[in-house]
Amino acid sequence: MKSFVGLSVIFISLANGFNTDLDNYLFGSVSAVSRENMISISLPSPFLS
């Protein structure tokens, strides 16, 4: 299992244009979040940490 993860990291790093698409898919894009969603996420965050 660990070897497959290592190989996938190598193959993803070799693909030039795929890295940014993968990052946006895995972690989300800040520009895709609406203002209302950003406010509703940021208001309770100090109380949850």
N, C-alpha and C. Protein backbone atom coordinates (compact mmCIF):
# COMPACT_ATOMS: atom_id res chain seq x y z
N MET A 1 0.82 -1.20 0.00
CA MET A 1 0.00 0.00 0.00
C MET A 1 0.87 1.26 0.00
N LYS A 2 1.93 1.26 0.80
CA LYS A 2 2.80 2.45 0.86
C LYS A 2 3.51 2.67 -0.46
N SER A 3 3.85 1.59 -1.15
CA SER A 3 4.54 1.75 -2.43
C SER A 3 3.61 2.37 -3.48
N PHE A 4 2.32 2.05 -3.42
CA PHE A 4 1.38 2.65 -4.38
C PHE A 4 1.21 4.14 -4.11
N VAL A 5 1.22 4.53 -2.87
CA VAL A 5 1.12 5.95 -2.54
C VAL A 5 2.38 6.68 -3.03
N GLY A 6 3.53 6.08 -2.82
CA GLY A 6 4.77 6.68 -3.29
C GLY A 6 4.82 6.81 -4.80
N LEU A 7 4.38 5.77 -5.50
CA LEU A 7 4.34 5.82 -6.96
C LEU A 7 3.36 6.87 -7.46
N SER A 8 2.22 6.98 -6.80
CA SER A 8 1.25 7.98 -7.24
C SER A 8 1.78 9.40 -7.04
N VAL A 9 2.54 9.63 -5.98
CA VAL A 9 3.14 10.95 -5.77
C VAL A 9 4.14 11.26 -6.86
N ILE A 10 4.92 10.28 -7.25
CA ILE A 10 5.91 10.47 -8.32
C ILE A 10 5.22 10.77 -9.64
N PHE A 11 4.19 9.99 -9.98
CA PHE A 11 3.50 10.20 -11.25
C PHE A 11 2.77 11.53 -11.29
N ILE A 12 2.17 11.92 -10.18
CA ILE A 12 1.48 13.21 -10.14
C ILE A 12 2.46 14.36 -10.26
N SER A 13 3.63 14.23 -9.64
CA SER A 13 4.61 15.32 -9.74
C SER A 13 5.20 15.43 -11.15
N LEU A 14 5.19 14.33 -11.91
CA LEU A 14 5.69 14.38 -13.28
C LEU A 14 4.70 15.02 -14.24
N ALA A 15 3.42 14.99 -13.92
CA ALA A 15 2.40 15.59 -14.77
C ALA A 15 2.37 17.09 -14.50
N ASN A 16 2.69 17.89 -15.49
CA ASN A 16 2.86 19.33 -15.30
C ASN A 16 1.56 20.05 -14.97
N GLY A 17 0.55 19.96 -15.82
CA GLY A 17 -0.67 20.72 -15.62
C GLY A 17 -1.63 20.06 -14.66
N PHE A 18 -1.35 18.87 -14.26
CA PHE A 18 -2.29 18.12 -13.42
C PHE A 18 -2.17 18.50 -11.96
N ASN A 19 -1.04 19.05 -11.53
CA ASN A 19 -0.83 19.36 -10.11
C ASN A 19 -1.82 20.39 -9.59
N THR A 20 -2.03 21.45 -10.31
CA THR A 20 -2.94 22.48 -9.82
C THR A 20 -4.37 21.97 -9.83
N ASP A 21 -4.74 21.17 -10.82
CA ASP A 21 -6.08 20.61 -10.83
C ASP A 21 -6.28 19.66 -9.67
N LEU A 22 -5.27 18.87 -9.35
CA LEU A 22 -5.36 17.94 -8.24
C LEU A 22 -5.45 18.68 -6.91
N ASP A 23 -4.68 19.73 -6.74
CA ASP A 23 -4.73 20.52 -5.51
C ASP A 23 -6.11 21.15 -5.34
N ASN A 24 -6.67 21.70 -6.41
CA ASN A 24 -8.00 22.30 -6.32
C ASN A 24 -9.06 21.24 -6.03
N TYR A 25 -8.89 20.08 -6.58
CA TYR A 25 -9.86 19.01 -6.33
C TYR A 25 -9.78 18.50 -4.89
N LEU A 26 -8.57 18.32 -4.38
CA LEU A 26 -8.41 17.77 -3.04
C LEU A 26 -8.70 18.80 -1.95
N PHE A 27 -8.21 20.01 -2.11
CA PHE A 27 -8.27 21.00 -1.05
C PHE A 27 -9.24 22.13 -1.33
N GLY A 28 -9.80 22.18 -2.50
CA GLY A 28 -10.76 23.22 -2.84
C GLY A 28 -10.09 24.46 -3.38
N SER A 29 -10.86 25.26 -4.03
CA SER A 29 -10.37 26.50 -4.59
C SER A 29 -11.00 27.66 -3.82
N VAL A 30 -10.18 28.59 -3.37
CA VAL A 30 -10.68 29.72 -2.60
C VAL A 30 -11.60 30.58 -3.44
N SER A 31 -11.34 30.68 -4.73
CA SER A 31 -12.18 31.50 -5.58
C SER A 31 -13.56 30.88 -5.82
N ALA A 32 -13.74 29.62 -5.51
CA ALA A 32 -15.03 28.97 -5.70
C ALA A 32 -15.95 29.11 -4.50
N VAL A 33 -15.44 29.69 -3.41
CA VAL A 33 -16.23 29.86 -2.20
C VAL A 33 -16.91 31.22 -2.23
N SER A 34 -18.21 31.22 -1.99
CA SER A 34 -18.92 32.49 -2.01
C SER A 34 -18.63 33.29 -0.73
N ARG A 35 -18.96 34.55 -0.78
CA ARG A 35 -18.71 35.41 0.37
C ARG A 35 -19.52 34.96 1.60
N GLU A 36 -20.77 34.56 1.35
CA GLU A 36 -21.63 34.11 2.45
C GLU A 36 -21.07 32.84 3.10
N ASN A 37 -20.56 31.92 2.28
CA ASN A 37 -19.96 30.71 2.83
C ASN A 37 -18.70 31.01 3.62
N MET A 38 -17.90 31.94 3.14
CA MET A 38 -16.68 32.30 3.84
C MET A 38 -17.00 32.91 5.21
N ILE A 39 -18.03 33.73 5.28
CA ILE A 39 -18.43 34.34 6.56
C ILE A 39 -18.98 33.28 7.49
N SER A 40 -19.82 32.39 6.97
CA SER A 40 -20.41 31.37 7.84
C SER A 40 -19.38 30.37 8.33
N ILE A 41 -18.30 30.20 7.62
CA ILE A 41 -17.22 29.32 8.06
C ILE A 41 -16.32 30.02 9.07
N SER A 42 -16.03 31.28 8.83
CA SER A 42 -15.06 31.97 9.67
C SER A 42 -15.62 32.44 11.01
N LEU A 43 -16.93 32.67 11.11
CA LEU A 43 -17.48 33.15 12.38
C LEU A 43 -17.38 32.12 13.51
N PRO A 44 -17.77 30.87 13.33
CA PRO A 44 -17.68 29.93 14.46
C PRO A 44 -16.30 29.31 14.66
N SER A 45 -15.38 29.53 13.75
CA SER A 45 -14.07 28.87 13.85
C SER A 45 -13.28 29.22 15.10
N PRO A 46 -13.29 30.44 15.63
CA PRO A 46 -12.54 30.70 16.87
C PRO A 46 -13.09 29.94 18.08
N PHE A 47 -14.37 29.65 18.05
CA PHE A 47 -14.99 28.96 19.17
C PHE A 47 -14.79 27.44 19.11
N LEU A 48 -14.45 26.94 17.93
CA LEU A 48 -14.29 25.49 17.76
C LEU A 48 -12.87 25.02 17.99
N SER A 49 -11.92 25.92 18.02
CA SER A 49 -10.53 25.49 18.20
C SER A 49 -10.08 25.43 19.62
